[in-house]
Amino acid sequence: MTATTLAIIAFVVLLTGVSKSGFAGALGVFSVPILMLIMPPVAAIGLMLPVLIVADVFSLKSYWQQWDIKQLKRLQPGLLAGVITAHILIGWLDAAFIKTTIAILCIVFAIRSLAFSQFTLSALNSRIGALSMGGLAGITSTLIHAGGPPLIMYFSTIQLPPKRFVATVAIIFAMMNAIKLIGFISLGLIEVKWVLIALASLPIAFIGNRLGIWLQSKLNTAQFLRMMNFLLLLLGIWLLAK
């Protein structure tokens, strides 16, 4: 591998650590496109999953048992259904259509939330909302490693405190990635070299984890939710452009 390739991989690992521990995985959608600058799409997706799992370990340790059990139970059926559906229909689902749909949802939700600080989409704060957003997160996480936006929209509506918000998303991602790993191995997407690279990146992932926690600690609940909505807006524009 060239120095440029290693530098880009290191940056993606750092970004993943910061994103998971500080901003509920909001920045994760950028990771695969960045890796695609130096490798084919299938290789980028295959490398990204071991990197995500490494970051999951640090996030779980940092936020152990700080998650919201009630919301976790609410979301689990949809998440599981979404991941399984994506694996079954992986050759049929149109990734471009999914990206466009998520992008429009992100932009509309973020603009409404930023323009009207008291805005909440009450329909999301329900069992049907949890099932829908959980299912969408499961599908987008499996296909494009971008399960963050649907979960951020859901949890922004509930207005959880920052630590509980991030902790709940962390355990959700850890569970989804464990399920995805089985599917990815069966599809031949995981190579030994990707696992070795992820393990070698442990120190960088740890630095990203600590940096994300530090950044998140500087924000109160209102500031954190505004930041999440601002990131949703950026994510929506990015996905629409792609």
Protein backbone atom coordinates (compact mmCIF):
# COMPACT_ATOMS: atom_id res chain seq x y z
CA MET A 1 0.00 0.00 0.00
CA THR A 2 1.17 3.53 -0.77
CA ALA A 3 1.57 6.24 1.85
CA THR A 4 -1.47 8.03 0.40
CA THR A 5 -3.62 4.91 0.75
CA LEU A 6 -2.54 4.38 4.36
CA ALA A 7 -3.14 8.06 5.19
CA ILE A 8 -6.68 7.96 3.77
CA ILE A 9 -7.49 4.74 5.65
CA ALA A 10 -6.11 6.27 8.87
CA PHE A 11 -8.27 9.38 8.35
CA VAL A 12 -11.39 7.25 7.81
CA VAL A 13 -10.66 5.27 10.99
CA LEU A 14 -10.19 8.50 12.97
CA LEU A 15 -13.38 9.98 11.49
CA THR A 16 -15.28 6.80 12.37
CA GLY A 17 -14.09 6.93 15.98
CA VAL A 18 -15.08 10.58 16.35
CA SER A 19 -18.43 10.00 14.65
CA LYS A 20 -19.47 7.00 16.73
CA SER A 21 -18.42 8.30 20.15
CA GLY A 22 -19.33 11.95 19.67
CA PHE A 23 -22.08 12.35 17.10
CA ALA A 24 -24.08 9.11 16.95
CA GLY A 25 -22.47 7.94 13.72
CA ALA A 26 -23.61 11.04 11.82
CA LEU A 27 -20.32 11.34 9.93
CA GLY A 28 -20.21 7.68 8.95
CA VAL A 29 -21.88 8.28 5.60
CA PHE A 30 -18.71 9.99 4.36
CA SER A 31 -16.44 7.01 5.08
CA VAL A 32 -17.20 4.68 2.16
CA PRO A 33 -17.08 7.48 -0.49
CA ILE A 34 -13.69 8.57 0.89
CA LEU A 35 -12.37 4.99 0.73
CA MET A 36 -13.69 4.72 -2.83
CA LEU A 37 -11.09 7.33 -3.81
CA ILE A 38 -8.43 4.64 -3.35
CA MET A 39 -10.24 1.30 -3.87
CA PRO A 40 -13.25 -0.26 -5.65
CA PRO A 41 -16.70 0.11 -4.00
CA VAL A 42 -16.95 -3.56 -2.95
CA ALA A 43 -13.51 -3.40 -1.31
CA ALA A 44 -14.43 -0.13 0.45
CA ILE A 45 -17.60 -1.69 1.88
CA GLY A 46 -15.68 -4.82 2.91
CA LEU A 47 -12.96 -2.85 4.71
CA MET A 48 -15.42 -0.50 6.38
CA LEU A 49 -17.28 -3.15 8.38
CA PRO A 50 -14.22 -4.36 10.39
CA VAL A 51 -13.30 -0.71 11.00
CA LEU A 52 -16.82 -0.01 12.28
CA ILE A 53 -16.68 -3.02 14.59
CA VAL A 54 -13.34 -1.86 16.04
CA ALA A 55 -14.89 1.57 16.70
CA ASP A 56 -17.96 -0.14 18.21
CA VAL A 57 -15.77 -1.78 20.87
CA PHE A 58 -14.47 1.58 22.10
CA SER A 59 -17.91 3.23 21.93
CA LEU A 60 -19.54 0.45 23.96
CA LYS A 61 -16.81 0.64 26.57
CA SER A 62 -17.18 4.42 26.83
CA TYR A 63 -20.98 4.39 27.13
CA TRP A 64 -21.58 1.03 28.78
CA GLN A 65 -25.15 0.69 30.14
CA GLN A 66 -25.92 4.39 29.55
CA TRP A 67 -28.32 3.55 26.70
CA ASP A 68 -32.11 3.86 26.80
CA ILE A 69 -33.51 0.32 27.18
CA LYS A 70 -37.07 1.37 26.31
CA GLN A 71 -36.04 2.90 22.98
CA LEU A 72 -33.72 -0.01 22.28
CA LYS A 73 -36.60 -2.48 22.62
CA ARG A 74 -38.78 -0.24 20.46
CA LEU A 75 -36.27 -0.12 17.62
CA GLN A 76 -34.98 -3.71 17.63
CA PRO A 77 -37.75 -5.33 15.50
CA GLY A 78 -37.41 -2.74 12.74
CA LEU A 79 -33.61 -2.83 12.79
CA LEU A 80 -33.51 -6.62 12.51
CA ALA A 81 -36.12 -6.64 9.75
CA GLY A 82 -34.20 -3.95 7.85
CA VAL A 83 -30.86 -5.77 7.99
CA ILE A 84 -32.40 -9.10 6.96
CA THR A 85 -34.41 -7.47 4.14
CA ALA A 86 -31.30 -5.73 2.80
CA HIS A 87 -29.33 -9.00 2.75
CA ILE A 88 -32.13 -10.86 0.97
CA LEU A 89 -32.74 -8.12 -1.60
CA ILE A 90 -29.16 -6.83 -1.90
CA GLY A 91 -29.14 -7.43 -5.66
CA TRP A 92 -32.56 -5.85 -6.19
CA LEU A 93 -32.63 -2.75 -4.01
CA ASP A 94 -31.60 0.43 -5.81
CA ALA A 95 -28.90 2.10 -3.69
CA ALA A 96 -29.29 5.38 -5.61
CA PHE A 97 -33.03 5.52 -4.85
CA ILE A 98 -32.37 4.78 -1.17
CA LYS A 99 -29.71 7.51 -1.01
CA THR A 100 -32.06 10.04 -2.63
CA THR A 101 -34.92 9.15 -0.27
CA ILE A 102 -32.69 9.46 2.81
CA ALA A 103 -31.22 12.73 1.48
CA ILE A 104 -34.64 14.36 1.04
CA LEU A 105 -35.79 13.19 4.48
CA CYS A 106 -32.60 14.56 6.08
CA ILE A 107 -32.88 17.96 4.39
CA VAL A 108 -36.59 18.47 5.13
CA PHE A 109 -36.29 17.29 8.74
CA ALA A 110 -33.16 19.36 9.41
CA ILE A 111 -34.51 22.58 7.90
CA ARG A 112 -37.77 22.28 9.85
CA SER A 113 -35.88 21.56 13.08
CA LEU A 114 -33.32 24.34 12.61
CA ALA A 115 -35.91 26.92 11.52
CA PHE A 116 -38.35 26.03 14.29
CA SER A 117 -36.44 25.07 17.44
CA GLN A 118 -39.59 23.65 19.08
CA PHE A 119 -40.39 21.50 16.04
CA THR A 120 -40.88 17.79 16.72
CA LEU A 121 -42.30 15.21 14.35
CA SER A 122 -44.60 13.48 16.82
CA ALA A 123 -45.40 10.67 14.37
CA LEU A 124 -41.83 9.40 14.76
CA ASN A 125 -42.21 9.16 18.54
CA SER A 126 -44.39 6.07 18.31
CA ARG A 127 -44.09 2.33 17.78
CA ILE A 128 -44.83 2.78 14.08
CA GLY A 129 -42.21 5.53 13.87
CA ALA A 130 -39.67 3.32 15.63
CA LEU A 131 -40.46 0.40 13.32
CA SER A 132 -40.17 2.60 10.21
CA MET A 133 -36.96 4.41 11.19
CA GLY A 134 -35.45 1.20 12.57
CA GLY A 135 -36.19 -0.64 9.33
CA LEU A 136 -34.79 2.21 7.25
CA ALA A 137 -31.65 2.33 9.40
CA GLY A 138 -31.17 -1.42 9.01
CA ILE A 139 -31.45 -1.22 5.22
CA THR A 140 -29.21 1.84 4.74
CA SER A 141 -26.64 0.55 7.22
CA THR A 142 -26.35 -2.74 5.35
CA LEU A 143 -26.25 -1.32 1.82
CA ILE A 144 -24.22 1.88 2.23
CA HIS A 145 -23.00 1.87 5.87
CA ALA A 146 -25.23 4.90 6.53
CA GLY A 147 -27.69 3.90 9.22
CA GLY A 148 -27.11 7.10 11.18
CA PRO A 149 -29.56 9.56 9.53
CA PRO A 150 -32.80 7.62 10.25
CA LEU A 151 -31.73 7.03 13.86
CA ILE A 152 -30.73 10.68 14.32
CA MET A 153 -34.13 11.82 13.05
CA TYR A 154 -35.87 9.43 15.42
CA PHE A 155 -33.82 10.31 18.51
CA SER A 156 -33.88 14.06 17.76
CA THR A 157 -37.67 13.89 17.97
CA ILE A 158 -37.47 12.16 21.36
CA GLN A 159 -34.84 14.70 22.49
CA LEU A 160 -32.67 12.37 24.56
CA PRO A 161 -29.74 13.90 26.49
CA PRO A 162 -26.47 13.72 24.47
CA LYS A 163 -24.84 10.83 26.35
CA ARG A 164 -27.96 8.67 26.29
CA PHE A 165 -28.54 9.58 22.65
CA VAL A 166 -25.01 8.52 21.61
CA ALA A 167 -24.97 5.47 23.92
CA THR A 168 -28.24 4.11 22.51
CA VAL A 169 -27.09 4.59 18.93
CA ALA A 170 -23.75 2.95 19.83
CA ILE A 171 -25.33 -0.27 21.08
CA ILE A 172 -27.70 -0.33 18.10
CA PHE A 173 -24.83 -0.02 15.62
CA ALA A 174 -22.85 -2.70 17.47
CA MET A 175 -25.76 -5.14 17.19
CA MET A 176 -26.40 -4.32 13.53
CA ASN A 177 -22.73 -4.66 12.61
CA ALA A 178 -22.54 -8.06 14.32
CA ILE A 179 -25.50 -9.26 12.24
CA LYS A 180 -24.07 -7.67 9.08
CA LEU A 181 -20.74 -9.44 9.65
CA ILE A 182 -22.42 -12.83 9.25
CA GLY A 183 -24.03 -11.73 6.00
CA PHE A 184 -20.89 -10.08 4.64
CA ILE A 185 -18.82 -13.20 5.32
CA SER A 186 -21.39 -15.38 3.54
CA LEU A 187 -21.29 -12.98 0.56
CA GLY A 188 -17.48 -13.08 0.46
CA LEU A 189 -17.11 -9.36 1.17
CA ILE A 190 -14.77 -9.74 4.16
CA GLU A 191 -11.10 -10.46 3.43
CA VAL A 192 -8.41 -11.31 5.97
CA LYS A 193 -6.38 -8.26 4.95
CA TRP A 194 -9.29 -5.94 5.81
CA VAL A 195 -9.53 -7.47 9.28
CA LEU A 196 -5.76 -7.07 9.79
CA ILE A 197 -5.90 -3.42 8.71
CA ALA A 198 -8.77 -2.77 11.13
CA LEU A 199 -6.84 -4.39 14.00
CA ALA A 200 -3.72 -2.39 13.14
CA SER A 201 -5.86 0.76 13.30
CA LEU A 202 -6.89 0.21 16.94
CA PRO A 203 -4.74 3.10 18.30
CA ILE A 204 -6.19 5.52 15.75
CA ALA A 205 -9.73 4.37 16.53
CA PHE A 206 -9.06 4.93 20.24
CA ILE A 207 -7.82 8.48 19.59
CA GLY A 208 -10.95 9.16 17.53
CA ASN A 209 -13.10 7.77 20.33
CA ARG A 210 -11.57 10.07 22.95
CA LEU A 211 -11.76 13.08 20.64
CA GLY A 212 -15.44 12.43 19.91
CA ILE A 213 -16.29 12.13 23.61
CA TRP A 214 -14.42 15.36 24.36
CA LEU A 215 -16.23 17.27 21.60
CA GLN A 216 -19.63 15.95 22.66
CA SER A 217 -19.00 16.87 26.31
CA LYS A 218 -18.71 20.54 25.31
CA LEU A 219 -22.34 20.65 24.16
CA ASN A 220 -25.52 20.83 26.25
CA THR A 221 -28.68 19.07 25.06
CA ALA A 222 -29.99 22.00 22.99
CA GLN A 223 -26.60 22.59 21.34
CA PHE A 224 -26.16 18.88 20.69
CA LEU A 225 -29.56 18.57 18.98
CA ARG A 226 -28.82 21.64 16.84
CA MET A 227 -25.50 20.09 15.87
CA MET A 228 -27.23 16.82 14.96
CA ASN A 229 -29.72 18.66 12.76
CA PHE A 230 -26.96 20.67 11.11
CA LEU A 231 -25.10 17.43 10.36
CA LEU A 232 -28.33 15.93 8.99
CA LEU A 233 -28.60 18.89 6.60
CA LEU A 234 -25.00 18.39 5.43
CA LEU A 235 -25.56 14.65 5.06
CA GLY A 236 -28.70 15.23 3.01
CA ILE A 237 -26.93 17.63 0.65
CA TRP A 238 -23.96 15.24 0.36
CA LEU A 239 -26.15 12.21 -0.43
CA LEU A 240 -28.23 14.18 -2.93
CA ALA A 241 -25.07 15.38 -4.68
CA LYS A 242 -23.76 11.81 -4.86
